[in-house]
Protein backbone atom coordinates (compact mmCIF):
# COMPACT_ATOMS: atom_id res chain seq x y z
CA MET A 1 87.48 83.69 105.34
CA ASP A 2 90.57 83.35 107.46
CA HIS A 3 91.61 86.69 108.99
CA ILE A 4 95.22 86.36 107.88
CA GLU A 5 94.16 85.48 104.33
CA ALA A 6 91.90 88.56 104.27
CA ILE A 7 94.89 90.71 105.19
CA VAL A 8 97.41 89.00 102.89
CA LYS A 9 95.21 89.44 99.81
CA ASN A 10 95.31 93.21 100.48
CA VAL A 11 99.13 93.40 100.56
CA ALA A 12 100.39 94.55 97.16
CA TRP A 13 103.73 92.71 97.33
CA SER A 14 102.16 89.41 98.42
CA ASP A 15 102.00 86.64 95.83
CA ARG A 16 98.40 86.12 97.04
CA HIS A 17 97.41 89.76 96.38
CA ASP A 18 93.93 90.09 94.93
CA GLU A 19 93.22 93.05 92.66
CA GLU A 20 89.58 92.82 93.74
CA SER A 21 90.56 93.28 97.40
CA PHE A 22 89.99 96.60 99.14
CA THR A 23 93.52 97.88 98.52
CA GLY A 24 93.62 96.44 95.01
CA ALA A 25 90.43 98.22 93.97
CA LEU A 26 91.51 101.41 95.72
CA HIS A 27 94.91 101.59 94.05
CA GLU A 28 94.04 100.21 90.61
CA ARG A 29 90.63 101.82 90.03
CA ALA A 30 90.36 104.48 92.78
CA VAL A 31 87.27 102.70 94.14
CA TRP A 32 86.57 102.91 97.86
CA ASP A 33 84.47 99.85 98.73
CA ALA A 34 83.11 100.42 102.23
CA GLN A 35 82.15 96.77 102.72
CA LYS A 36 85.66 95.55 101.80
CA CYS A 37 87.17 98.25 104.01
CA TRP A 38 85.12 97.04 107.01
CA GLU A 39 86.10 93.41 106.25
CA LEU A 40 89.79 94.35 106.24
CA GLU A 41 89.43 96.35 109.46
CA ALA A 42 87.62 93.42 111.09
CA ALA A 43 90.43 91.08 110.04
CA PHE A 44 93.03 93.35 111.66
CA THR A 45 91.07 93.75 114.88
CA ALA A 46 90.45 90.00 115.13
CA LEU A 47 94.17 89.22 115.29
CA PRO A 48 95.97 89.09 118.62
CA LEU A 49 98.55 91.85 119.05
CA THR A 50 101.36 89.28 118.89
CA GLN A 51 100.18 87.56 115.68
CA ARG A 52 102.72 87.64 112.86
CA ILE A 53 101.19 87.93 109.42
CA PHE A 54 104.38 87.37 107.44
CA PRO A 55 106.97 85.21 109.23
CA ASN A 56 110.63 86.19 108.83
């Protein structure tokens, strides 16, 4: 999966938000999925510091 897509699906106000994503499961069902958490962290660390996730 694309790193930006992995991040965007975890953003609640994104139209691509996925309720099965790490943040979706955490907020909707209070489920901490360690695997999804590591995937999200890996997506953030894979981006260059100057990468914009949501353009203005």
